[in-house]
Amino acid sequence: MDAIRGAGMSQTLVVVSRWFGGTKLGTGGLIRAYGSSAEEVLRQVPKSIIIPMMEMTVNCPYDMIGWVERTIKGFGGEIKTGQFLEQASLTVRLPAHCEALFRNAVKEDGAGRIELAEALN
């Protein structure tokens, strides 16, 4: 656990397998061996940042699709699916921390023509 904390990581699991059943290293030696193995792995492993995402449905007229797409991309989101009937109905994924900002942008710049709803999964 100290190796994980020392690497500044979270949501991480490190497994160190011991193939020899003896105790020649002693308790302290085993702790150092496990710790140094974990530290080495954490130095070499590729790291990625996990960004919590949320989904919502955006219903808009066709002439607003370009603005909606640019705004979603501007907030680091993506369009997952779309249905195009009387109007466009897009299922989008956005970083969860951007939800309020996105809703505010739609409210202010959407001129009341864009409707947001929870995505139906």
PDB file of N, CA and C in Angstrom:
ATOM      1  N   MET A   1       0.826  -1.183   0.000  1.00  0.00           N
ATOM      2  CA  MET A   1       0.000   0.000   0.000  1.00  0.00           C
ATOM      3  C   MET A   1       0.873   1.250   0.000  1.00  0.00           C
ATOM      4  N   ASP A   2       1.993   1.185   0.708  1.00  0.00           N
ATOM      5  CA  ASP A   2       2.900   2.339   0.720  1.00  0.00           C
ATOM      6  C   ASP A   2       3.442   2.627  -0.669  1.00  0.00           C
ATOM      7  N   ALA A   3       3.700   1.587  -1.454  1.00  0.00           N
ATOM      8  CA  ALA A   3       4.209   1.781  -2.817  1.00  0.00           C
ATOM      9  C   ALA A   3       3.156   2.473  -3.685  1.00  0.00           C
ATOM     10  N   ILE A   4       1.899   2.087  -3.526  1.00  0.00           N
ATOM     11  CA  ILE A   4       0.816   2.708  -4.304  1.00  0.00           C
ATOM     12  C   ILE A   4       0.666   4.169  -3.904  1.00  0.00           C
ATOM     13  N   ARG A   5       0.627   4.427  -2.605  1.00  0.00           N
ATOM     14  CA  ARG A   5       0.519   5.813  -2.134  1.00  0.00           C
ATOM     15  C   ARG A   5       1.726   6.632  -2.580  1.00  0.00           C
ATOM     16  N   GLY A   6       2.919   6.038  -2.477  1.00  0.00           N
ATOM     17  CA  GLY A   6       4.139   6.735  -2.862  1.00  0.00           C
ATOM     18  C   GLY A   6       4.174   7.090  -4.342  1.00  0.00           C
ATOM     19  N   ALA A   7       3.492   6.288  -5.166  1.00  0.00           N
ATOM     20  CA  ALA A   7       3.432   6.564  -6.605  1.00  0.00           C
ATOM     21  C   ALA A   7       2.332   7.570  -6.933  1.00  0.00           C
ATOM     22  N   GLY A   8       1.577   8.005  -5.900  1.00  0.00           N
ATOM     23  CA  GLY A   8       0.511   8.971  -6.114  1.00  0.00           C
ATOM     24  C   GLY A   8      -0.670   8.391  -6.873  1.00  0.00           C
ATOM     25  N   MET A   9      -0.905   7.113  -6.701  1.00  0.00           N
ATOM     26  CA  MET A   9      -1.962   6.442  -7.449  1.00  0.00           C
ATOM     27  C   MET A   9      -3.120   6.061  -6.534  1.00  0.00           C
ATOM     28  N   SER A  10      -4.267   5.813  -7.154  1.00  0.00           N
ATOM     29  CA  SER A  10      -5.434   5.294  -6.452  1.00  0.00           C
ATOM     30  C   SER A  10      -6.130   4.333  -7.400  1.00  0.00           C
ATOM     31  N   GLN A  11      -7.129   3.633  -6.905  1.00  0.00           N
ATOM     32  CA  GLN A  11      -7.849   2.645  -7.695  1.00  0.00           C
ATOM     33  C   GLN A  11      -6.868   1.705  -8.401  1.00  0.00           C
ATOM     34  N   THR A  12      -5.903   1.218  -7.636  1.00  0.00           N
ATOM     35  CA  THR A  12      -4.802   0.417  -8.170  1.00  0.00           C
ATOM     36  C   THR A  12      -4.648  -0.851  -7.349  1.00  0.00           C
ATOM     37  N   LEU A  13      -4.308  -1.930  -8.017  1.00  0.00           N
ATOM     38  CA  LEU A  13      -4.039  -3.196  -7.359  1.00  0.00           C
ATOM     39  C   LEU A  13      -2.692  -3.698  -7.837  1.00  0.00           C
ATOM     40  N   VAL A  14      -1.841  -4.095  -6.910  1.00  0.00           N
ATOM     41  CA  VAL A  14      -0.546  -4.686  -7.231  1.00  0.00           C
ATOM     42  C   VAL A  14      -0.520  -6.070  -6.586  1.00  0.00           C
ATOM     43  N   VAL A  15      -0.170  -7.081  -7.374  1.00  0.00           N
ATOM     44  CA  VAL A  15      -0.067  -8.436  -6.852  1.00  0.00           C
ATOM     45  C   VAL A  15       1.393  -8.865  -6.945  1.00  0.00           C
ATOM     46  N   VAL A  16       1.957  -9.270  -5.818  1.00  0.00           N
ATOM     47  CA  VAL A  16       3.318  -9.807  -5.774  1.00  0.00           C
ATOM     48  C   VAL A  16       3.188 -11.269  -5.378  1.00  0.00           C
ATOM     49  N   SER A  17       3.611 -12.160  -6.268  1.00  0.00           N
ATOM     50  CA  SER A  17       3.533 -13.598  -5.988  1.00  0.00           C
ATOM     51  C   SER A  17       4.859 -14.087  -5.442  1.00  0.00           C
ATOM     52  N   ARG A  18       4.789 -14.920  -4.431  1.00  0.00           N
ATOM     53  CA  ARG A  18       5.981 -15.476  -3.800  1.00  0.00           C
ATOM     54  C   ARG A  18       6.070 -16.945  -4.170  1.00  0.00           C
ATOM     55  N   TRP A  19       7.160 -17.333  -4.789  1.00  0.00           N
ATOM     56  CA  TRP A  19       7.321 -18.702  -5.277  1.00  0.00           C
ATOM     57  C   TRP A  19       8.065 -19.598  -4.298  1.00  0.00           C
ATOM     58  N   PHE A  20       8.707 -19.045  -3.319  1.00  0.00           N
ATOM     59  CA  PHE A  20       9.470 -19.831  -2.361  1.00  0.00           C
ATOM     60  C   PHE A  20       8.788 -19.715  -1.010  1.00  0.00           C
ATOM     61  N   GLY A  21       8.549 -20.797  -0.350  1.00  0.00           N
ATOM     62  CA  GLY A  21       7.798 -20.779   0.896  1.00  0.00           C
ATOM     63  C   GLY A  21       8.628 -20.552   2.139  1.00  0.00           C
ATOM     64  N   GLY A  22       9.931 -20.438   2.009  1.00  0.00           N
ATOM     65  CA  GLY A  22      10.793 -20.288   3.185  1.00  0.00           C
ATOM     66  C   GLY A  22      10.749 -18.894   3.784  1.00  0.00           C
ATOM     67  N   THR A  23      11.439 -18.736   4.888  1.00  0.00           N
ATOM     68  CA  THR A  23      11.477 -17.445   5.589  1.00  0.00           C
ATOM     69  C   THR A  23      12.909 -16.946   5.728  1.00  0.00           C
ATOM     70  N   LYS A  24      13.774 -17.292   4.792  1.00  0.00           N
ATOM     71  CA  LYS A  24      15.182 -16.923   4.921  1.00  0.00           C
ATOM     72  C   LYS A  24      15.394 -15.409   4.954  1.00  0.00           C
ATOM     73  N   LEU A  25      14.485 -14.653   4.360  1.00  0.00           N
ATOM     74  CA  LEU A  25      14.638 -13.198   4.362  1.00  0.00           C
ATOM     75  C   LEU A  25      14.208 -12.580   5.687  1.00  0.00           C
ATOM     76  N   GLY A  26      13.444 -13.299   6.462  1.00  0.00           N
ATOM     77  CA  GLY A  26      12.895 -12.730   7.693  1.00  0.00           C
ATOM     78  C   GLY A  26      11.715 -11.833   7.373  1.00  0.00           C
ATOM     79  N   THR A  27      10.998 -11.453   8.400  1.00  0.00           N
ATOM     80  CA  THR A  27       9.801 -10.639   8.205  1.00  0.00           C
ATOM     81  C   THR A  27      10.135  -9.310   7.539  1.00  0.00           C
ATOM     82  N   GLY A  28      11.118  -8.610   8.046  1.00  0.00           N
ATOM     83  CA  GLY A  28      11.513  -7.309   7.468  1.00  0.00           C
ATOM     84  C   GLY A  28      11.998  -7.452   6.038  1.00  0.00           C
ATOM     85  N   GLY A  29      12.749  -8.514   5.770  1.00  0.00           N
ATOM     86  CA  GLY A  29      13.249  -8.740   4.405  1.00  0.00           C
ATOM     87  C   GLY A  29      12.119  -9.005   3.431  1.00  0.00           C
ATOM     88  N   LEU A  30      11.112  -9.753   3.882  1.00  0.00           N
ATOM     89  CA  LEU A  30       9.951 -10.016   3.020  1.00  0.00           C
ATOM     90  C   LEU A  30       9.199  -8.725   2.720  1.00  0.00           C
ATOM     91  N   ILE A  31       9.004  -7.909   3.720  1.00  0.00           N
ATOM     92  CA  ILE A  31       8.294  -6.633   3.519  1.00  0.00           C
ATOM     93  C   ILE A  31       9.059  -5.765   2.531  1.00  0.00           C
ATOM     94  N   ARG A  32      10.378  -5.688   2.667  1.00  0.00           N
ATOM     95  CA  ARG A  32      11.192  -4.898   1.732  1.00  0.00           C
ATOM     96  C   ARG A  32      11.135  -5.496   0.322  1.00  0.00           C
ATOM     97  N   ALA A  33      11.176  -6.808   0.211  1.00  0.00           N
ATOM     98  CA  ALA A  33      11.133  -7.459  -1.106  1.00  0.00           C
ATOM     99  C   ALA A  33       9.791  -7.201  -1.783  1.00  0.00           C
ATOM    100  N   TYR A  34       8.693  -7.362  -1.033  1.00  0.00           N
ATOM    101  CA  TYR A  34       7.372  -7.098  -1.613  1.00  0.00           C
ATOM    102  C   TYR A  34       7.242  -5.630  -2.000  1.00  0.00           C
ATOM    103  N   GLY A  35       7.683  -4.758  -1.123  1.00  0.00           N
ATOM    104  CA  GLY A  35       7.585  -3.317  -1.383  1.00  0.00           C
ATOM    105  C   GLY A  35       8.398  -2.896  -2.594  1.00  0.00           C
ATOM    106  N   SER A  36       9.640  -3.398  -2.694  1.00  0.00           N
ATOM    107  CA  SER A  36      10.474  -2.996  -3.835  1.00  0.00           C
ATOM    108  C   SER A  36       9.930  -3.580  -5.142  1.00  0.00           C
ATOM    109  N   SER A  37       9.348  -4.784  -5.088  1.00  0.00           N
ATOM    110  CA  SER A  37       8.721  -5.363  -6.287  1.00  0.00           C
ATOM    111  C   SER A  37       7.535  -4.509  -6.728  1.00  0.00           C
ATOM    112  N   ALA A  38       6.709  -4.108  -5.776  1.00  0.00           N
ATOM    113  CA  ALA A  38       5.552  -3.277  -6.097  1.00  0.00           C
ATOM    114  C   ALA A  38       5.999  -1.923  -6.652  1.00  0.00           C
ATOM    115  N   GLU A  39       7.004  -1.310  -6.047  1.00  0.00           N
ATOM    116  CA  GLU A  39       7.514  -0.022  -6.536  1.00  0.00           C
ATOM    117  C   GLU A  39       8.026  -0.131  -7.968  1.00  0.00           C
ATOM    118  N   GLU A  40       8.746  -1.207  -8.262  1.00  0.00           N
ATOM    119  CA  GLU A  40       9.289  -1.398  -9.617  1.00  0.00           C
ATOM    120  C   GLU A  40       8.165  -1.532 -10.639  1.00  0.00           C
ATOM    121  N   VAL A  41       7.155  -2.306 -10.319  1.00  0.00           N
ATOM    122  CA  VAL A  41       6.016  -2.472 -11.225  1.00  0.00           C
ATOM    123  C   VAL A  41       5.333  -1.125 -11.450  1.00  0.00           C
ATOM    124  N   LEU A  42       5.106  -0.379 -10.390  1.00  0.00           N
ATOM    125  CA  LEU A  42       4.416   0.910 -10.507  1.00  0.00           C
ATOM    126  C   LEU A  42       5.234   1.924 -11.298  1.00  0.00           C
ATOM    127  N   ARG A  43       6.544   1.805 -11.285  1.00  0.00           N
ATOM    128  CA  ARG A  43       7.388   2.689 -12.103  1.00  0.00           C
ATOM    129  C   ARG A  43       7.232   2.368 -13.587  1.00  0.00           C
ATOM    130  N   GLN A  44       7.041   1.095 -13.912  1.00  0.00           N
ATOM    131  CA  GLN A  44       7.035   0.662 -15.309  1.00  0.00           C
ATOM    132  C   GLN A  44       5.655   0.641 -15.963  1.00  0.00           C
ATOM    133  N   VAL A  45       4.609   0.508 -15.173  1.00  0.00           N
ATOM    134  CA  VAL A  45       3.272   0.332 -15.732  1.00  0.00           C
ATOM    135  C   VAL A  45       2.778   1.638 -16.373  1.00  0.00           C
ATOM    136  N   PRO A  46       2.089   1.520 -17.531  1.00  0.00           N
ATOM    137  CA  PRO A  46       1.481   2.730 -18.097  1.00  0.00           C
ATOM    138  C   PRO A  46       0.362   3.220 -17.178  1.00  0.00           C
ATOM    139  N   LYS A  47       0.267   4.514 -17.028  1.00  0.00           N
ATOM    140  CA  LYS A  47      -0.720   5.092 -16.132  1.00  0.00           C
ATOM    141  C   LYS A  47      -1.770   5.838 -16.944  1.00  0.00           C
ATOM    142  N   SER A  48      -2.995   5.840 -16.443  1.00  0.00           N
ATOM    143  CA  SER A  48      -4.053   6.606 -17.099  1.00  0.00           C
ATOM    144  C   SER A  48      -4.928   7.235 -16.031  1.00  0.00           C
ATOM    145  N   ILE A  49      -5.501   8.344 -16.395  1.00  0.00           N
ATOM    146  CA  ILE A  49      -6.395   9.061 -15.494  1.00  0.00           C
ATOM    147  C   ILE A  49      -7.818   8.625 -15.818  1.00  0.00           C
ATOM    148  N   ILE A  50      -8.558   8.263 -14.804  1.00  0.00           N
ATOM    149  CA  ILE A  50      -9.946   7.851 -14.980  1.00  0.00           C
ATOM    150  C   ILE A  50     -10.825   9.076 -14.743  1.00  0.00           C
ATOM    151  N   ILE A  51     -11.604   9.415 -15.748  1.00  0.00           N
ATOM    152  CA  ILE A  51     -12.515  10.551 -15.640  1.00  0.00           C
ATOM    153  C   ILE A  51     -13.940  10.006 -15.566  1.00  0.00           C
ATOM    154  N   PRO A  52     -14.626  10.228 -14.449  1.00  0.00           N
ATOM    155  CA  PRO A  52     -16.011   9.769 -14.360  1.00  0.00           C
ATOM    156  C   PRO A  52     -16.864  10.427 -15.451  1.00  0.00           C
ATOM    157  N   MET A  53     -17.626   9.604 -16.151  1.00  0.00           N
ATOM    158  CA  MET A  53     -18.459  10.107 -17.246  1.00  0.00           C
ATOM    159  C   MET A  53     -19.929   9.929 -16.896  1.00  0.00           C
ATOM    160  N   MET A  54     -20.760  10.701 -17.549  1.00  0.00           N
ATOM    161  CA  MET A  54     -22.204  10.571 -17.403  1.00  0.00           C
ATOM    162  C   MET A  54     -22.824  10.646 -18.793  1.00  0.00           C
ATOM    163  N   GLU A  55     -24.017  10.098 -18.920  1.00  0.00           N
ATOM    164  CA  GLU A  55     -24.707  10.115 -20.208  1.00  0.00           C
ATOM    165  C   GLU A  55     -26.002  10.887 -20.087  1.00  0.00           C
ATOM    166  N   MET A  56     -26.373  11.527 -21.178  1.00  0.00           N
ATOM    167  CA  MET A  56     -27.656  12.199 -21.252  1.00  0.00           C
ATOM    168  C   MET A  56     -28.129  12.193 -22.694  1.00  0.00           C
ATOM    169  N   THR A  57     -29.399  12.468 -22.867  1.00  0.00           N
ATOM    170  CA  THR A  57     -29.976  12.568 -24.199  1.00  0.00           C
ATOM    171  C   THR A  57     -30.186  14.041 -24.511  1.00  0.00           C
ATOM    172  N   VAL A  58     -29.781  14.437 -25.703  1.00  0.00           N
ATOM    173  CA  VAL A  58     -29.962  15.809 -26.170  1.00  0.00           C
ATOM    174  C   VAL A  58     -30.915  15.761 -27.356  1.00  0.00           C
ATOM    175  N   ASN A  59     -32.052  16.414 -27.219  1.00  0.00           N
ATOM    176  CA  ASN A  59     -33.027  16.513 -28.307  1.00  0.00           C
ATOM    177  C   ASN A  59     -32.959  17.937 -28.860  1.00  0.00           C
ATOM    178  N   CYS A  60     -32.729  18.036 -30.173  1.00  0.00           N
ATOM    179  CA  CYS A  60     -32.597  19.368 -30.759  1.00  0.00           C
ATOM    180  C   CYS A  60     -33.068  19.371 -32.211  1.00  0.00           C
ATOM    181  N   PRO A  61     -33.447  20.552 -32.710  1.00  0.00           N
ATOM    182  CA  PRO A  61     -33.785  20.654 -34.128  1.00  0.00           C
ATOM    183  C   PRO A  61     -32.519  20.483 -34.969  1.00  0.00           C
ATOM    184  N   TYR A  62     -32.714  20.116 -36.219  1.00  0.00           N
ATOM    185  CA  TYR A  62     -31.569  19.835 -37.098  1.00  0.00           C
ATOM    186  C   TYR A  62     -30.627  21.015 -37.258  1.00  0.00           C
ATOM    187  N   ASP A  63     -31.152  22.229 -37.268  1.00  0.00           N
ATOM    188  CA  ASP A  63     -30.271  23.381 -37.475  1.00  0.00           C
ATOM    189  C   ASP A  63     -29.393  23.672 -36.254  1.00  0.00           C
ATOM    190  N   MET A  64     -29.610  22.984 -35.140  1.00  0.00           N
ATOM    191  CA  MET A  64     -28.797  23.172 -33.935  1.00  0.00           C
ATOM    192  C   MET A  64     -27.752  22.063 -33.744  1.00  0.00           C
ATOM    193  N   ILE A  65     -27.754  21.046 -34.615  1.00  0.00           N
ATOM    194  CA  ILE A  65     -26.845  19.911 -34.434  1.00  0.00           C
ATOM    195  C   ILE A  65     -25.382  20.348 -34.439  1.00  0.00           C
ATOM    196  N   GLY A  66     -24.999  21.213 -35.335  1.00  0.00           N
ATOM    197  CA  GLY A  66     -23.601  21.671 -35.391  1.00  0.00           C
ATOM    198  C   GLY A  66     -23.167  22.316 -34.092  1.00  0.00           C
ATOM    199  N   TRP A  67     -24.016  23.190 -33.555  1.00  0.00           N
ATOM    200  CA  TRP A  67     -23.694  23.846 -32.288  1.00  0.00           C
ATOM    201  C   TRP A  67     -23.597  22.809 -31.171  1.00  0.00           C
ATOM    202  N   VAL A  68     -24.542  21.868 -31.127  1.00  0.00           N
ATOM    203  CA  VAL A  68     -24.537  20.831 -30.090  1.00  0.00           C
ATOM    204  C   VAL A  68     -23.265  19.996 -30.175  1.00  0.00           C
ATOM    205  N   GLU A  69     -22.888  19.567 -31.375  1.00  0.00           N
ATOM    206  CA  GLU A  69     -21.670  18.759 -31.546  1.00  0.00           C
ATOM    207  C   GLU A  69     -20.433  19.520 -31.076  1.00  0.00           C
ATOM    208  N   ARG A  70     -20.298  20.775 -31.481  1.00  0.00           N
ATOM    209  CA  ARG A  70     -19.132  21.573 -31.072  1.00  0.00           C
ATOM    210  C   ARG A  70     -19.100  21.760 -29.557  1.00  0.00           C
ATOM    211  N   THR A  71     -20.257  21.996 -28.974  1.00  0.00           N
ATOM    212  CA  THR A  71     -20.320  22.218 -27.531  1.00  0.00           C
ATOM    213  C   THR A  71     -19.964  20.947 -26.768  1.00  0.00           C
ATOM    214  N   ILE A  72     -20.488  19.821 -27.211  1.00  0.00           N
ATOM    215  CA  ILE A  72     -20.165  18.545 -26.561  1.00  0.00           C
ATOM    216  C   ILE A  72     -18.665  18.280 -26.636  1.00  0.00           C
ATOM    217  N   LYS A  73     -18.072  18.453 -27.809  1.00  0.00           N
ATOM    218  CA  LYS A  73     -16.626  18.237 -27.962  1.00  0.00           C
ATOM    219  C   LYS A  73     -15.828  19.229 -27.135  1.00  0.00           C
ATOM    220  N   GLY A  74     -16.325  20.460 -27.030  1.00  0.00           N
ATOM    221  CA  GLY A  74     -15.652  21.481 -26.232  1.00  0.00           C
ATOM    222  C   GLY A  74     -15.585  21.126 -24.753  1.00  0.00           C
ATOM    223  N   PHE A  75     -16.542  20.348 -24.290  1.00  0.00           N
ATOM    224  CA  PHE A  75     -16.545  19.900 -22.899  1.00  0.00           C
ATOM    225  C   PHE A  75     -15.883  18.531 -22.742  1.00  0.00           C
ATOM    226  N   GLY A  76     -15.238  18.035 -23.785  1.00  0.00           N
ATOM    227  CA  GLY A  76     -14.542  16.749 -23.705  1.00  0.00           C
ATOM    228  C   GLY A  76     -15.463  15.557 -23.821  1.00  0.00           C
ATOM    229  N   GLY A  77     -16.644  15.757 -24.397  1.00  0.00           N
ATOM    230  CA  GLY A  77     -17.608  14.678 -24.525  1.00  0.00           C
ATOM    231  C   GLY A  77     -17.625  14.074 -25.912  1.00  0.00           C
ATOM    232  N   GLU A  78     -18.549  13.137 -26.097  1.00  0.00           N
ATOM    233  CA  GLU A  78     -18.695  12.469 -27.385  1.00  0.00           C
ATOM    234  C   GLU A  78     -20.155  12.100 -27.605  1.00  0.00           C
ATOM    235  N   ILE A  79     -20.522  11.972 -28.857  1.00  0.00           N
ATOM    236  CA  ILE A  79     -21.853  11.512 -29.214  1.00  0.00           C
ATOM    237  C   ILE A  79     -21.768  10.007 -29.415  1.00  0.00           C
ATOM    238  N   LYS A  80     -22.575   9.256 -28.663  1.00  0.00           N
ATOM    239  CA  LYS A  80     -22.558   7.796 -28.765  1.00  0.00           C
ATOM    240  C   LYS A  80     -23.485   7.309 -29.862  1.00  0.00           C
ATOM    241  N   THR A  81     -24.724   7.791 -29.847  1.00  0.00           N
ATOM    242  CA  THR A  81     -25.715   7.358 -30.831  1.00  0.00           C
ATOM    243  C   THR A  81     -26.607   8.532 -31.194  1.00  0.00           C
ATOM    244  N   GLY A  82     -27.319   8.378 -32.280  1.00  0.00           N
ATOM    245  CA  GLY A  82     -28.262   9.409 -32.683  1.00  0.00           C
ATOM    246  C   GLY A  82     -29.454   8.807 -33.402  1.00  0.00           C
ATOM    247  N   GLN A  83     -30.616   9.388 -33.160  1.00  0.00           N
ATOM    248  CA  GLN A  83     -31.826   9.053 -33.901  1.00  0.00           C
ATOM    249  C   GLN A  83     -32.291  10.342 -34.557  1.00  0.00           C
ATOM    250  N   PHE A  84     -32.700  10.226 -35.803  1.00  0.00           N
ATOM    251  CA  PHE A  84     -33.051  11.414 -36.560  1.00  0.00           C
ATOM    252  C   PHE A  84     -34.457  11.251 -37.116  1.00  0.00           C
ATOM    253  N   LEU A  85     -35.433  11.750 -36.366  1.00  0.00           N
ATOM    254  CA  LEU A  85     -36.830  11.688 -36.772  1.00  0.00           C
ATOM    255  C   LEU A  85     -37.305  13.121 -36.993  1.00  0.00           C
ATOM    256  N   GLU A  86     -38.323  13.569 -36.247  1.00  0.00           N
ATOM    257  CA  GLU A  86     -38.768  14.961 -36.380  1.00  0.00           C
ATOM    258  C   GLU A  86     -37.664  15.925 -35.962  1.00  0.00           C
ATOM    259  N   GLN A  87     -36.868  15.476 -35.017  1.00  0.00           N
ATOM    260  CA  GLN A  87     -35.699  16.233 -34.580  1.00  0.00           C
ATOM    261  C   GLN A  87     -34.593  15.241 -34.248  1.00  0.00           C
ATOM    262  N   ALA A  88     -33.416  15.740 -33.974  1.00  0.00           N
ATOM    263  CA  ALA A  88     -32.293  14.874 -33.622  1.00  0.00           C
ATOM    264  C   ALA A  88     -32.377  14.524 -32.142  1.00  0.00           C
ATOM    265  N   SER A  89     -32.126  13.266 -31.835  1.00  0.00           N
ATOM    266  CA  SER A  89     -32.070  12.796 -30.456  1.00  0.00           C
ATOM    267  C   SER A  89     -30.729  12.089 -30.292  1.00  0.00           C
ATOM    268  N   LEU A  90     -29.814  12.728 -29.576  1.00  0.00           N
ATOM    269  CA  LEU A  90     -28.443  12.246 -29.451  1.00  0.00           C
ATOM    270  C   LEU A  90     -28.179  11.752 -28.034  1.00  0.00           C
ATOM    271  N   THR A  91     -27.588  10.574 -27.919  1.00  0.00           N
ATOM    272  CA  THR A  91     -27.106  10.102 -26.627  1.00  0.00           C
ATOM    273  C   THR A  91     -25.651  10.516 -26.542  1.00  0.00           C
ATOM    274  N   VAL A  92     -25.319  11.285 -25.513  1.00  0.00           N
ATOM    275  CA  VAL A  92     -23.963  11.829 -25.383  1.00  0.00           C
ATOM    276  C   VAL A  92     -23.343  11.410 -24.061  1.00  0.00           C
ATOM    277  N   ARG A  93     -22.007  11.337 -24.070  1.00  0.00           N
ATOM    278  CA  ARG A  93     -21.212  11.087 -22.862  1.00  0.00           C
ATOM    279  C   ARG A  93     -20.393  12.335 -22.603  1.00  0.00           C
ATOM    280  N   LEU A  94     -20.442  12.796 -21.355  1.00  0.00           N
ATOM    281  CA  LEU A  94     -19.680  13.967 -20.938  1.00  0.00           C
ATOM    282  C   LEU A  94     -18.953  13.663 -19.630  1.00  0.00           C
ATOM    283  N   PRO A  95     -17.803  14.315 -19.415  1.00  0.00           N
ATOM    284  CA  PRO A  95     -17.196  14.199 -18.091  1.00  0.00           C
ATOM    285  C   PRO A  95     -18.210  14.688 -17.049  1.00  0.00           C
ATOM    286  N   ALA A  96     -18.382  13.923 -15.992  1.00  0.00           N
ATOM    287  CA  ALA A  96     -19.404  14.242 -14.987  1.00  0.00           C
ATOM    288  C   ALA A  96     -19.218  15.636 -14.404  1.00  0.00           C
ATOM    289  N   HIS A  97     -17.968  16.074 -14.268  1.00  0.00           N
ATOM    290  CA  HIS A  97     -17.741  17.396 -13.671  1.00  0.00           C
ATOM    291  C   HIS A  97     -18.157  18.536 -14.602  1.00  0.00           C
ATOM    292  N   CYS A  98     -18.480  18.236 -15.862  1.00  0.00           N
ATOM    293  CA  CYS A  98     -18.901  19.266 -16.822  1.00  0.00           C
ATOM    294  C   CYS A  98     -20.416  19.349 -16.995  1.00  0.00           C
ATOM    295  N   GLU A  99     -21.149  18.488 -16.314  1.00  0.00           N
ATOM    296  CA  GLU A  99     -22.594  18.433 -16.537  1.00  0.00           C
ATOM    297  C   GLU A  99     -23.272  19.782 -16.313  1.00  0.00           C
ATOM    298  N   ALA A 100     -23.020  20.409 -15.175  1.00  0.00           N
ATOM    299  CA  ALA A 100     -23.680  21.693 -14.870  1.00  0.00           C
ATOM    300  C   ALA A 100     -23.297  22.762 -15.888  1.00  0.00           C
ATOM    301  N   LEU A 101     -22.024  22.795 -16.282  1.00  0.00           N
ATOM    302  CA  LEU A 101     -21.582  23.788 -17.280  1.00  0.00           C
ATOM    303  C   LEU A 101     -22.249  23.544 -18.627  1.00  0.00           C
ATOM    304  N   PHE A 102     -22.374  22.277 -19.022  1.00  0.00           N
ATOM    305  CA  PHE A 102     -23.032  21.945 -20.280  1.00  0.00           C
ATOM    306  C   PHE A 102     -24.506  22.344 -20.230  1.00  0.00           C
ATOM    307  N   ARG A 103     -25.178  21.992 -19.137  1.00  0.00           N
ATOM    308  CA  ARG A 103     -26.592  22.369 -18.996  1.00  0.00           C
ATOM    309  C   ARG A 103     -26.768  23.880 -19.064  1.00  0.00           C
ATOM    310  N   ASN A 104     -25.866  24.615 -18.434  1.00  0.00           N
ATOM    311  CA  ASN A 104     -25.933  26.075 -18.457  1.00  0.00           C
ATOM    312  C   ASN A 104     -25.717  26.613 -19.874  1.00  0.00           C
ATOM    313  N   ALA A 105     -24.765  26.040 -20.601  1.00  0.00           N
ATOM    314  CA  ALA A 105     -24.506  26.471 -21.986  1.00  0.00           C
ATOM    315  C   ALA A 105     -25.729  26.228 -22.861  1.00  0.00           C
ATOM    316  N   VAL A 106     -26.366  25.077 -22.682  1.00  0.00           N
ATOM    317  CA  VAL A 106     -27.572  24.755 -23.461  1.00  0.00           C
ATOM    318  C   VAL A 106     -28.692  25.727 -23.115  1.00  0.00           C
ATOM    319  N   LYS A 107     -28.832  26.017 -21.827  1.00  0.00           N
ATOM    320  CA  LYS A 107     -29.886  26.934 -21.383  1.00  0.00           C
ATOM    321  C   LYS A 107     -29.666  28.336 -21.959  1.00  0.00           C
ATOM    322  N   GLU A 108     -28.418  28.820 -21.921  1.00  0.00           N
ATOM    323  CA  GLU A 108     -28.124  30.178 -22.366  1.00  0.00           C
ATOM    324  C   GLU A 108     -28.056  30.314 -23.883  1.00  0.00           C
ATOM    325  N   ASP A 109     -27.418  29.359 -24.550  1.00  0.00           N
ATOM    326  CA  ASP A 109     -27.189  29.496 -25.995  1.00  0.00           C
ATOM    327  C   ASP A 109     -28.148  28.678 -26.853  1.00  0.00           C
ATOM    328  N   GLY A 110     -28.892  27.795 -26.242  1.00  0.00           N
ATOM    329  CA  GLY A 110     -29.809  26.941 -27.000  1.00  0.00           C
ATOM    330  C   GLY A 110     -31.128  27.608 -27.337  1.00  0.00           C
ATOM    331  N   ALA A 111     -31.342  28.808 -26.846  1.00  0.00           N
ATOM    332  CA  ALA A 111     -32.542  29.596 -27.141  1.00  0.00           C
ATOM    333  C   ALA A 111     -33.822  28.814 -26.842  1.00  0.00           C
ATOM    334  N   GLY A 112     -33.783  27.948 -25.845  1.00  0.00           N
ATOM    335  CA  GLY A 112     -34.972  27.191 -25.476  1.00  0.00           C
ATOM    336  C   GLY A 112     -35.375  26.128 -26.485  1.00  0.00           C
ATOM    337  N   ARG A 113     -34.508  25.835 -27.447  1.00  0.00           N
ATOM    338  CA  ARG A 113     -34.841  24.875 -28.508  1.00  0.00           C
ATOM    339  C   ARG A 113     -34.208  23.508 -28.290  1.00  0.00           C
ATOM    340  N   ILE A 114     -33.418  23.367 -27.228  1.00  0.00           N
ATOM    341  CA  ILE A 114     -32.726  22.106 -26.958  1.00  0.00           C
ATOM    342  C   ILE A 114     -33.239  21.555 -25.638  1.00  0.00           C
ATOM    343  N   GLU A 115     -33.559  20.277 -25.644  1.00  0.00           N
ATOM    344  CA  GLU A 115     -34.070  19.613 -24.446  1.00  0.00           C
ATOM    345  C   GLU A 115     -33.072  18.556 -24.001  1.00  0.00           C
ATOM    346  N   LEU A 116     -32.809  18.528 -22.697  1.00  0.00           N
ATOM    347  CA  LEU A 116     -31.898  17.533 -22.116  1.00  0.00           C
ATOM    348  C   LEU A 116     -32.690  16.577 -21.249  1.00  0.00           C
ATOM    349  N   ALA A 117     -32.310  15.328 -21.283  1.00  0.00           N
ATOM    350  CA  ALA A 117     -32.967  14.311 -20.471  1.00  0.00           C
ATOM    351  C   ALA A 117     -31.925  13.266 -20.084  1.00  0.00           C
ATOM    352  N   GLU A 118     -32.248  12.488 -19.042  1.00  0.00           N
ATOM    353  CA  GLU A 118     -31.356  11.382 -18.683  1.00  0.00           C
ATOM    354  C   GLU A 118     -31.371  10.366 -19.791  1.00  0.00           C
ATOM    355  N   ALA A 119     -30.214   9.794 -20.084  1.00  0.00           N
ATOM    356  CA  ALA A 119     -30.119   8.785 -21.144  1.00  0.00           C
ATOM    357  C   ALA A 119     -30.839   7.521 -20.695  1.00  0.00           C
ATOM    358  N   LEU A 120     -31.561   6.919 -21.605  1.00  0.00           N
ATOM    359  CA  LEU A 120     -32.220   5.648 -21.324  1.00  0.00           C
ATOM    360  C   LEU A 120     -31.302   4.530 -21.766  1.00  0.00           C
ATOM    361  N   ASN A 121     -30.849   3.729 -20.820  1.00  0.00           N
ATOM    362  CA  ASN A 121     -29.929   2.631 -21.147  1.00  0.00           C
ATOM    363  C   ASN A 121     -30.666   1.330 -21.254  1.00  0.00           C
TER     364      ASN A 121
END
